[in-house]
PDB file of all heavy atoms in Angstrom:
ATOM      1  N   LEU A   1       6.842-120.841 -63.252  1.00  0.00           N
ATOM      2  CA  LEU A   1       6.473-120.081 -64.436  1.00  0.00           C
ATOM      3  C   LEU A   1       7.637-120.113 -65.427  1.00  0.00           C
ATOM      4  O   LEU A   1       8.700-119.597 -65.135  1.00  0.00           O
ATOM      5  CB  LEU A   1       6.146-118.652 -64.047  1.00  0.00           C
ATOM      6  CG  LEU A   1       5.203-117.854 -64.978  1.00  0.00           C
ATOM      7  CD1 LEU A   1       3.827-118.490 -64.979  1.00  0.00           C
ATOM      8  CD2 LEU A   1       5.092-116.417 -64.511  1.00  0.00           C
ATOM      9  N   GLU A   2       7.438-120.803 -66.544  1.00  0.00           N
ATOM     10  CA  GLU A   2       8.592-121.097 -67.457  1.00  0.00           C
ATOM     11  C   GLU A   2       8.575-120.181 -68.672  1.00  0.00           C
ATOM     12  O   GLU A   2       7.519-120.000 -69.343  1.00  0.00           O
ATOM     13  CB  GLU A   2       8.475-122.563 -67.879  1.00  0.00           C
ATOM     14  CG  GLU A   2       9.602-122.965 -68.820  1.00  0.00           C
ATOM     15  CD  GLU A   2       9.652-124.458 -69.108  1.00  0.00           C
ATOM     16  OE1 GLU A   2       8.676-125.141 -68.735  1.00  0.00           O
ATOM     17  OE2 GLU A   2      10.629-124.951 -69.716  1.00  0.00           O
ATOM     18  N   VAL A   3       9.718-119.662 -68.991  1.00  0.00           N
ATOM     19  CA  VAL A   3       9.866-118.889 -70.249  1.00  0.00           C
ATOM     20  C   VAL A   3       9.987-119.841 -71.420  1.00  0.00           C
ATOM     21  O   VAL A   3      10.824-120.723 -71.452  1.00  0.00           O
ATOM     22  CB  VAL A   3      11.131-118.004 -70.173  1.00  0.00           C
ATOM     23  CG1 VAL A   3      11.424-117.368 -71.551  1.00  0.00           C
ATOM     24  CG2 VAL A   3      10.939-116.900 -69.122  1.00  0.00           C
ATOM     25  N   THR A   4       9.041-119.695 -72.380  1.00  0.00           N
ATOM     26  CA  THR A   4       9.039-120.611 -73.541  1.00  0.00           C
ATOM     27  C   THR A   4       9.517-119.910 -74.795  1.00  0.00           C
ATOM     28  O   THR A   4       9.808-120.583 -75.782  1.00  0.00           O
ATOM     29  CB  THR A   4       7.618-121.121 -73.780  1.00  0.00           C
ATOM     30  OG1 THR A   4       6.713-120.033 -73.919  1.00  0.00           O
ATOM     31  CG2 THR A   4       7.170-122.002 -72.604  1.00  0.00           C
ATOM     32  N   GLY A   5       9.661-118.585 -74.774  1.00  0.00           N
ATOM     33  CA  GLY A   5      10.154-117.890 -75.923  1.00  0.00           C
ATOM     34  C   GLY A   5      10.450-116.442 -75.556  1.00  0.00           C
ATOM     35  O   GLY A   5       9.964-115.926 -74.565  1.00  0.00           O
ATOM     36  N   LEU A   6      11.280-115.795 -76.396  1.00  0.00           N
ATOM     37  CA  LEU A   6      11.604-114.372 -76.192  1.00  0.00           C
ATOM     38  C   LEU A   6      10.967-113.547 -77.315  1.00  0.00           C
ATOM     39  O   LEU A   6      10.976-113.983 -78.458  1.00  0.00           O
ATOM     40  CB  LEU A   6      13.113-114.173 -76.164  1.00  0.00           C
ATOM     41  CG  LEU A   6      13.862-114.866 -75.019  1.00  0.00           C
ATOM     42  CD1 LEU A   6      15.341-114.665 -75.120  1.00  0.00           C
ATOM     43  CD2 LEU A   6      13.358-114.391 -73.651  1.00  0.00           C
ATOM     44  N   LEU A   7      10.424-112.403 -76.990  1.00  0.00           N
ATOM     45  CA  LEU A   7       9.719-111.539 -77.927  1.00  0.00           C
ATOM     46  C   LEU A   7      10.603-110.407 -78.368  1.00  0.00           C
ATOM     47  O   LEU A   7      11.369-109.855 -77.562  1.00  0.00           O
ATOM     48  CB  LEU A   7       8.451-110.979 -77.293  1.00  0.00           C
ATOM     49  CG  LEU A   7       7.534-111.993 -76.586  1.00  0.00           C
ATOM     50  CD1 LEU A   7       6.366-111.312 -75.928  1.00  0.00           C
ATOM     51  CD2 LEU A   7       7.019-113.032 -77.596  1.00  0.00           C
ATOM     52  N   LYS A   8      10.515-110.054 -79.658  1.00  0.00           N
ATOM     53  CA  LYS A   8      11.365-109.008 -80.214  1.00  0.00           C
ATOM     54  C   LYS A   8      10.555-108.036 -81.064  1.00  0.00           C
ATOM     55  O   LYS A   8       9.542-108.397 -81.643  1.00  0.00           O
ATOM     56  CB  LYS A   8      12.479-109.584 -81.071  1.00  0.00           C
ATOM     57  CG  LYS A   8      13.486-110.495 -80.302  1.00  0.00           C
ATOM     58  CD  LYS A   8      14.589-111.048 -81.207  1.00  0.00           C
ATOM     59  CE  LYS A   8      15.513-111.940 -80.394  1.00  0.00           C
ATOM     60  NZ  LYS A   8      16.578-112.501 -81.233  1.00  0.00           N
ATOM     61  N   GLN A   9      11.022-106.774 -81.053  1.00  0.00           N
ATOM     62  CA  GLN A   9      10.537-105.747 -81.952  1.00  0.00           C
ATOM     63  C   GLN A   9      11.682-105.075 -82.608  1.00  0.00           C
ATOM     64  O   GLN A   9      12.593-104.561 -81.907  1.00  0.00           O
ATOM     65  CB  GLN A   9       9.677-104.704 -81.193  1.00  0.00           C
ATOM     66  CG  GLN A   9       8.363-105.250 -80.624  1.00  0.00           C
ATOM     67  CD  GLN A   9       7.596-104.172 -79.888  1.00  0.00           C
ATOM     68  OE1 GLN A   9       8.044-103.058 -79.696  1.00  0.00           O
ATOM     69  NE2 GLN A   9       6.370-104.545 -79.500  1.00  0.00           N
ATOM     70  N   ASN A  10      11.738-105.102 -83.939  1.00  0.00           N
ATOM     71  CA  ASN A  10      12.799-104.504 -84.708  1.00  0.00           C
ATOM     72  C   ASN A  10      14.187-105.035 -84.255  1.00  0.00           C
ATOM     73  O   ASN A  10      15.176-104.295 -84.145  1.00  0.00           O
ATOM     74  CB  ASN A  10      12.797-102.975 -84.597  1.00  0.00           C
ATOM     75  CG  ASN A  10      11.500-102.381 -85.090  1.00  0.00           C
ATOM     76  OD1 ASN A  10      10.945-102.845 -86.094  1.00  0.00           O
ATOM     77  ND2 ASN A  10      10.961-101.414 -84.310  1.00  0.00           N
ATOM     78  N   GLY A  11      14.222-106.347 -83.985  1.00  0.00           N
ATOM     79  CA  GLY A  11      15.492-106.984 -83.598  1.00  0.00           C
ATOM     80  C   GLY A  11      15.933-106.820 -82.192  1.00  0.00           C
ATOM     81  O   GLY A  11      16.979-107.328 -81.807  1.00  0.00           O
ATOM     82  N   ARG A  12      15.157-106.095 -81.379  1.00  0.00           N
ATOM     83  CA  ARG A  12      15.492-105.914 -80.001  1.00  0.00           C
ATOM     84  C   ARG A  12      14.485-106.623 -79.086  1.00  0.00           C
ATOM     85  O   ARG A  12      13.297-106.663 -79.415  1.00  0.00           O
ATOM     86  CB  ARG A  12      15.486-104.426 -79.619  1.00  0.00           C
ATOM     87  CG  ARG A  12      16.460-103.579 -80.459  1.00  0.00           C
ATOM     88  CD  ARG A  12      17.881-103.887 -80.112  1.00  0.00           C
ATOM     89  NE  ARG A  12      18.265-103.488 -78.735  1.00  0.00           N
ATOM     90  CZ  ARG A  12      19.453-103.668 -78.220  1.00  0.00           C
ATOM     91  NH1 ARG A  12      20.411-104.308 -78.869  1.00  0.00           N
ATOM     92  NH2 ARG A  12      19.688-103.256 -77.007  1.00  0.00           N
ATOM     93  N   LEU A  13      14.928-107.172 -77.989  1.00  0.00           N
ATOM     94  CA  LEU A  13      14.021-107.865 -77.081  1.00  0.00           C
ATOM     95  C   LEU A  13      12.988-106.893 -76.472  1.00  0.00           C
ATOM     96  O   LEU A  13      13.344-105.790 -76.095  1.00  0.00           O
ATOM     97  CB  LEU A  13      14.826-108.514 -75.937  1.00  0.00           C
ATOM     98  CG  LEU A  13      15.657-109.749 -76.302  1.00  0.00           C
ATOM     99  CD1 LEU A  13      16.469-110.225 -75.073  1.00  0.00           C
ATOM    100  CD2 LEU A  13      14.792-110.893 -76.817  1.00  0.00           C
ATOM    101  N   SER A  14      11.790-107.408 -76.400  1.00  0.00           N
ATOM    102  CA  SER A  14      10.718-106.585 -75.854  1.00  0.00           C
ATOM    103  C   SER A  14       9.927-107.298 -74.789  1.00  0.00           C
ATOM    104  O   SER A  14       9.059-106.717 -74.125  1.00  0.00           O
ATOM    105  CB  SER A  14       9.732-106.124 -76.956  1.00  0.00           C
ATOM    106  OG  SER A  14       9.150-107.268 -77.554  1.00  0.00           O
ATOM    107  N   GLY A  15      10.233-108.581 -74.548  1.00  0.00           N
ATOM    108  CA  GLY A  15       9.507-109.350 -73.546  1.00  0.00           C
ATOM    109  C   GLY A  15       9.702-110.815 -73.671  1.00  0.00           C
ATOM    110  O   GLY A  15      10.613-111.264 -74.359  1.00  0.00           O
ATOM    111  N   ALA A  16       8.841-111.589 -73.008  1.00  0.00           N
ATOM    112  CA  ALA A  16       8.978-113.049 -73.022  1.00  0.00           C
ATOM    113  C   ALA A  16       7.600-113.689 -72.986  1.00  0.00           C
ATOM    114  O   ALA A  16       6.679-113.200 -72.358  1.00  0.00           O
ATOM    115  CB  ALA A  16       9.828-113.518 -71.835  1.00  0.00           C
ATOM    116  N   ALA A  17       7.498-114.830 -73.654  1.00  0.00           N
ATOM    117  CA  ALA A  17       6.326-115.682 -73.540  1.00  0.00           C
ATOM    118  C   ALA A  17       6.575-116.665 -72.391  1.00  0.00           C
ATOM    119  O   ALA A  17       7.642-117.303 -72.355  1.00  0.00           O
ATOM    120  CB  ALA A  17       6.104-116.463 -74.827  1.00  0.00           C
ATOM    121  N   VAL A  18       5.637-116.746 -71.492  1.00  0.00           N
ATOM    122  CA  VAL A  18       5.782-117.637 -70.341  1.00  0.00           C
ATOM    123  C   VAL A  18       4.558-118.526 -70.148  1.00  0.00           C
ATOM    124  O   VAL A  18       3.430-118.177 -70.522  1.00  0.00           O
ATOM    125  CB  VAL A  18       6.047-116.831 -69.023  1.00  0.00           C
ATOM    126  CG1 VAL A  18       7.308-116.008 -69.138  1.00  0.00           C
ATOM    127  CG2 VAL A  18       4.875-115.935 -68.671  1.00  0.00           C
ATOM    128  N   LYS A  19       4.774-119.671 -69.549  1.00  0.00           N
ATOM    129  CA  LYS A  19       3.720-120.677 -69.302  1.00  0.00           C
ATOM    130  C   LYS A  19       3.699-121.015 -67.851  1.00  0.00           C
ATOM    131  O   LYS A  19       4.725-121.341 -67.259  1.00  0.00           O
ATOM    132  CB  LYS A  19       3.970-121.907 -70.146  1.00  0.00           C
ATOM    133  CG  LYS A  19       2.883-122.982 -69.948  1.00  0.00           C
ATOM    134  CD  LYS A  19       3.133-124.202 -70.811  1.00  0.00           C
ATOM    135  CE  LYS A  19       2.050-125.261 -70.664  1.00  0.00           C
ATOM    136  NZ  LYS A  19       2.294-126.423 -71.532  1.00  0.00           N
ATOM    137  N   ASP A  20       2.487-120.908 -67.224  1.00  0.00           N
ATOM    138  CA  ASP A  20       2.340-121.322 -65.834  1.00  0.00           C
ATOM    139  C   ASP A  20       2.293-122.851 -65.826  1.00  0.00           C
ATOM    140  O   ASP A  20       1.361-123.457 -66.348  1.00  0.00           O
ATOM    141  CB  ASP A  20       1.004-120.738 -65.317  1.00  0.00           C
ATOM    142  CG  ASP A  20       0.792-121.054 -63.826  1.00  0.00           C
ATOM    143  OD1 ASP A  20       1.683-121.684 -63.203  1.00  0.00           O
ATOM    144  OD2 ASP A  20      -0.249-120.665 -63.319  1.00  0.00           O
ATOM    145  N   ARG A  21       3.285-123.461 -65.168  1.00  0.00           N
ATOM    146  CA  ARG A  21       3.374-124.909 -65.103  1.00  0.00           C
ATOM    147  C   ARG A  21       2.296-125.507 -64.224  1.00  0.00           C
ATOM    148  O   ARG A  21       2.086-126.745 -64.282  1.00  0.00           O
ATOM    149  CB  ARG A  21       4.765-125.315 -64.642  1.00  0.00           C
ATOM    150  CG  ARG A  21       5.882-124.960 -65.638  1.00  0.00           C
ATOM    151  CD  ARG A  21       7.254-125.208 -65.006  1.00  0.00           C
ATOM    152  NE  ARG A  21       7.420-126.570 -64.554  1.00  0.00           N
ATOM    153  CZ  ARG A  21       7.896-127.577 -65.313  1.00  0.00           C
ATOM    154  NH1 ARG A  21       8.198-127.325 -66.605  1.00  0.00           N
ATOM    155  NH2 ARG A  21       8.021-128.760 -64.816  1.00  0.00           N
ATOM    156  N   LEU A  22       1.620-124.724 -63.430  1.00  0.00           N
ATOM    157  CA  LEU A  22       0.588-125.246 -62.543  1.00  0.00           C
ATOM    158  C   LEU A  22      -0.795-125.245 -63.222  1.00  0.00           C
ATOM    159  O   LEU A  22      -1.551-126.164 -63.037  1.00  0.00           O
ATOM    160  CB  LEU A  22       0.504-124.422 -61.248  1.00  0.00           C
ATOM    161  CG  LEU A  22       1.837-124.359 -60.451  1.00  0.00           C
ATOM    162  CD1 LEU A  22       1.637-123.532 -59.180  1.00  0.00           C
ATOM    163  CD2 LEU A  22       2.351-125.746 -60.107  1.00  0.00           C
ATOM    164  N   SER A  23      -1.072-124.181 -63.973  1.00  0.00           N
ATOM    165  CA  SER A  23      -2.412-124.069 -64.608  1.00  0.00           C
ATOM    166  C   SER A  23      -2.359-124.268 -66.124  1.00  0.00           C
ATOM    167  O   SER A  23      -3.428-124.344 -66.757  1.00  0.00           O
ATOM    168  CB  SER A  23      -2.993-122.680 -64.299  1.00  0.00           C
ATOM    169  OG  SER A  23      -2.239-121.676 -64.960  1.00  0.00           O
ATOM    170  N   ALA A  24      -1.168-124.277 -66.701  1.00  0.00           N
ATOM    171  CA  ALA A  24      -0.939-124.366 -68.149  1.00  0.00           C
ATOM    172  C   ALA A  24      -1.330-123.070 -68.880  1.00  0.00           C
ATOM    173  O   ALA A  24      -1.340-123.004 -70.079  1.00  0.00           O
ATOM    174  CB  ALA A  24      -1.651-125.551 -68.760  1.00  0.00           C
ATOM    175  N   LYS A  25      -1.669-122.031 -68.109  1.00  0.00           N
ATOM    176  CA  LYS A  25      -1.987-120.743 -68.730  1.00  0.00           C
ATOM    177  C   LYS A  25      -0.746-120.114 -69.339  1.00  0.00           C
ATOM    178  O   LYS A  25       0.328-120.178 -68.762  1.00  0.00           O
ATOM    179  CB  LYS A  25      -2.604-119.792 -67.676  1.00  0.00           C
ATOM    180  CG  LYS A  25      -3.022-118.436 -68.239  1.00  0.00           C
ATOM    181  CD  LYS A  25      -3.688-117.596 -67.184  1.00  0.00           C
ATOM    182  CE  LYS A  25      -4.118-116.265 -67.754  1.00  0.00           C
ATOM    183  NZ  LYS A  25      -4.782-115.381 -66.741  1.00  0.00           N
ATOM    184  N   GLU A  26      -0.915-119.492 -70.504  1.00  0.00           N
ATOM    185  CA  GLU A  26       0.201-118.827 -71.195  1.00  0.00           C
ATOM    186  C   GLU A  26      -0.049-117.332 -71.272  1.00  0.00           C
ATOM    187  O   GLU A  26      -1.150-116.900 -71.610  1.00  0.00           O
ATOM    188  CB  GLU A  26       0.400-119.449 -72.587  1.00  0.00           C
ATOM    189  CG  GLU A  26       0.764-120.926 -72.557  1.00  0.00           C
ATOM    190  CD  GLU A  26       1.007-121.512 -73.909  1.00  0.00           C
ATOM    191  OE1 GLU A  26       1.219-120.732 -74.863  1.00  0.00           O
ATOM    192  OE2 GLU A  26       1.044-122.743 -74.066  1.00  0.00           O
ATOM    193  N   ILE A  27       0.976-116.549 -71.012  1.00  0.00           N
ATOM    194  CA  ILE A  27       0.879-115.110 -71.077  1.00  0.00           C
ATOM    195  C   ILE A  27       2.135-114.554 -71.733  1.00  0.00           C
ATOM    196  O   ILE A  27       3.139-115.258 -71.899  1.00  0.00           O
ATOM    197  CB  ILE A  27       0.673-114.461 -69.705  1.00  0.00           C
ATOM    198  CG1 ILE A  27       1.886-114.740 -68.806  1.00  0.00           C
ATOM    199  CG2 ILE A  27      -0.635-114.926 -69.057  1.00  0.00           C
ATOM    200  CD1 ILE A  27       1.826-113.973 -67.510  1.00  0.00           C
ATOM    201  N   GLU A  28       2.112-113.248 -72.058  1.00  0.00           N
ATOM    202  CA  GLU A  28       3.284-112.567 -72.542  1.00  0.00           C
ATOM    203  C   GLU A  28       3.602-111.436 -71.557  1.00  0.00           C
ATOM    204  O   GLU A  28       2.712-110.741 -71.076  1.00  0.00           O
ATOM    205  CB  GLU A  28       3.053-111.981 -73.934  1.00  0.00           C
ATOM    206  CG  GLU A  28       2.903-113.083 -75.011  1.00  0.00           C
ATOM    207  CD  GLU A  28       2.803-112.512 -76.411  1.00  0.00           C
ATOM    208  OE1 GLU A  28       2.679-111.268 -76.556  1.00  0.00           O
ATOM    209  OE2 GLU A  28       2.883-113.344 -77.343  1.00  0.00           O
ATOM    210  N   VAL A  29       4.900-111.279 -71.289  1.00  0.00           N
ATOM    211  CA  VAL A  29       5.359-110.286 -70.322  1.00  0.00           C
ATOM    212  C   VAL A  29       6.218-109.264 -71.120  1.00  0.00           C
ATOM    213  O   VAL A  29       7.148-109.649 -71.803  1.00  0.00           O
ATOM    214  CB  VAL A  29       6.192-110.876 -69.198  1.00  0.00           C
ATOM    215  CG1 VAL A  29       6.586-109.799 -68.203  1.00  0.00           C
ATOM    216  CG2 VAL A  29       5.446-112.002 -68.515  1.00  0.00           C
ATOM    217  N   SER A  30       5.884-107.974 -70.998  1.00  0.00           N
ATOM    218  CA  SER A  30       6.645-106.936 -71.663  1.00  0.00           C
ATOM    219  C   SER A  30       7.683-106.332 -70.710  1.00  0.00           C
ATOM    220  O   SER A  30       7.391-106.083 -69.522  1.00  0.00           O
ATOM    221  CB  SER A  30       5.694-105.818 -72.090  1.00  0.00           C
ATOM    222  OG  SER A  30       4.764-106.266 -73.050  1.00  0.00           O
ATOM    223  N   ALA A  31       8.851-106.112 -71.205  1.00  0.00           N
ATOM    224  CA  ALA A  31       9.960-105.573 -70.388  1.00  0.00           C
ATOM    225  C   ALA A  31      10.973-104.818 -71.241  1.00  0.00           C
ATOM    226  O   ALA A  31      11.203-105.165 -72.386  1.00  0.00           O
ATOM    227  CB  ALA A  31      10.647-106.640 -69.616  1.00  0.00           C
ATOM    228  N   ARG A  32      11.529-103.756 -70.638  1.00  0.00           N
ATOM    229  CA  ARG A  32      12.568-102.969 -71.350  1.00  0.00           C
ATOM    230  C   ARG A  32      13.881-103.727 -71.405  1.00  0.00           C
ATOM    231  O   ARG A  32      14.644-103.644 -72.404  1.00  0.00           O
ATOM    232  CB  ARG A  32      12.788-101.635 -70.645  1.00  0.00           C
ATOM    233  CG  ARG A  32      11.538-100.725 -70.681  1.00  0.00           C
ATOM    234  CD  ARG A  32      11.765 -99.504 -69.861  1.00  0.00           C
ATOM    235  NE  ARG A  32      12.841 -98.650 -70.373  1.00  0.00           N
ATOM    236  CZ  ARG A  32      13.268 -97.516 -69.720  1.00  0.00           C
ATOM    237  NH1 ARG A  32      12.715 -97.143 -68.584  1.00  0.00           N
ATOM    238  NH2 ARG A  32      14.238 -96.809 -70.271  1.00  0.00           N
ATOM    239  N   VAL A  33      14.166-104.449 -70.348  1.00  0.00           N
ATOM    240  CA  VAL A  33      15.428-105.226 -70.284  1.00  0.00           C
ATOM    241  C   VAL A  33      15.111-106.624 -69.749  1.00  0.00           C
ATOM    242  O   VAL A  33      14.347-106.786 -68.807  1.00  0.00           O
ATOM    243  CB  VAL A  33      16.451-104.571 -69.350  1.00  0.00           C
ATOM    244  CG1 VAL A  33      17.753-105.366 -69.261  1.00  0.00           C
ATOM    245  CG2 VAL A  33      16.780-103.134 -69.821  1.00  0.00           C
ATOM    246  N   ILE A  34      15.733-107.633 -70.349  1.00  0.00           N
ATOM    247  CA  ILE A  34      15.568-109.014 -69.893  1.00  0.00           C
ATOM    248  C   ILE A  34      16.896-109.539 -69.383  1.00  0.00           C
ATOM    249  O   ILE A  34      17.929-109.419 -70.075  1.00  0.00           O
ATOM    250  CB  ILE A  34      15.004-109.923 -70.996  1.00  0.00           C
ATOM    251  CG1 ILE A  34      13.602-109.431 -71.395  1.00  0.00           C
ATOM    252  CG2 ILE A  34      14.946-111.394 -70.538  1.00  0.00           C
ATOM    253  CD1 ILE A  34      12.968-110.232 -72.491  1.00  0.00           C
ATOM    254  N   VAL A  35      16.870-110.130 -68.192  1.00  0.00           N
ATOM    255  CA  VAL A  35      18.083-110.630 -67.546  1.00  0.00           C
ATOM    256  C   VAL A  35      17.986-112.183 -67.504  1.00  0.00           C
ATOM    257  O   VAL A  35      17.026-112.710 -66.947  1.00  0.00           O
ATOM    258  CB  VAL A  35      18.257-110.095 -66.135  1.00  0.00           C
ATOM    259  CG1 VAL A  35      19.514-110.678 -65.451  1.00  0.00           C
ATOM    260  CG2 VAL A  35      18.354-108.564 -66.158  1.00  0.00           C
ATOM    261  N   ASN A  36      18.971-112.813 -68.045  1.00  0.00           N
ATOM    262  CA  ASN A  36      19.097-114.266 -68.013  1.00  0.00           C
ATOM    263  C   ASN A  36      19.955-114.655 -66.817  1.00  0.00           C
ATOM    264  O   ASN A  36      21.183-114.491 -66.856  1.00  0.00           O
ATOM    265  CB  ASN A  36      19.738-114.738 -69.336  1.00  0.00           C
ATOM    266  CG  ASN A  36      20.058-116.231 -69.376  1.00  0.00           C
ATOM    267  OD1 ASN A  36      19.566-116.993 -68.549  1.00  0.00           O
ATOM    268  ND2 ASN A  36      20.900-116.596 -70.308  1.00  0.00           N
ATOM    269  N   ALA A  37      19.307-115.107 -65.742  1.00  0.00           N
ATOM    270  CA  ALA A  37      20.023-115.485 -64.555  1.00  0.00           C
ATOM    271  C   ALA A  37      19.682-116.930 -64.166  1.00  0.00           C
ATOM    272  O   ALA A  37      19.280-117.228 -63.067  1.00  0.00           O
ATOM    273  CB  ALA A  37      19.661-114.561 -63.393  1.00  0.00           C
ATOM    274  N   THR A  38      19.868-117.822 -65.131  1.00  0.00           N
ATOM    275  CA  THR A  38      19.425-119.207 -64.997  1.00  0.00           C
ATOM    276  C   THR A  38      20.569-120.170 -64.657  1.00  0.00           C
ATOM    277  O   THR A  38      20.412-121.401 -64.837  1.00  0.00           O
ATOM    278  CB  THR A  38      18.668-119.669 -66.229  1.00  0.00           C
ATOM    279  OG1 THR A  38      19.495-119.445 -67.406  1.00  0.00           O
ATOM    280  CG2 THR A  38      17.381-118.896 -66.407  1.00  0.00           C
ATOM    281  N   GLY A  39      21.679-119.634 -64.216  1.00  0.00           N
ATOM    282  CA  GLY A  39      22.752-120.505 -63.733  1.00  0.00           C
ATOM    283  C   GLY A  39      23.249-121.474 -64.806  1.00  0.00           C
ATOM    284  O   GLY A  39      23.563-121.041 -65.943  1.00  0.00           O
ATOM    285  N   PRO A  40      23.307-122.765 -64.498  1.00  0.00           N
ATOM    286  CA  PRO A  40      23.841-123.720 -65.469  1.00  0.00           C
ATOM    287  C   PRO A  40      23.031-123.785 -66.767  1.00  0.00           C
ATOM    288  O   PRO A  40      23.495-124.284 -67.771  1.00  0.00           O
ATOM    289  CB  PRO A  40      23.696-125.069 -64.738  1.00  0.00           C
ATOM    290  CG  PRO A  40      23.596-124.723 -63.294  1.00  0.00           C
ATOM    291  CD  PRO A  40      22.928-123.411 -63.224  1.00  0.00           C
TER     292      PRO A  40
END
């Protein structure tokens, strides 16, 4: 499941746009805090 974009409200992050690499379905995920733990 790949993050394709980050969502913002009033300049603050509010979630992420993600794409299922298996089905090609796209959804939006809402979150209070987003953690970038993608290593390299």
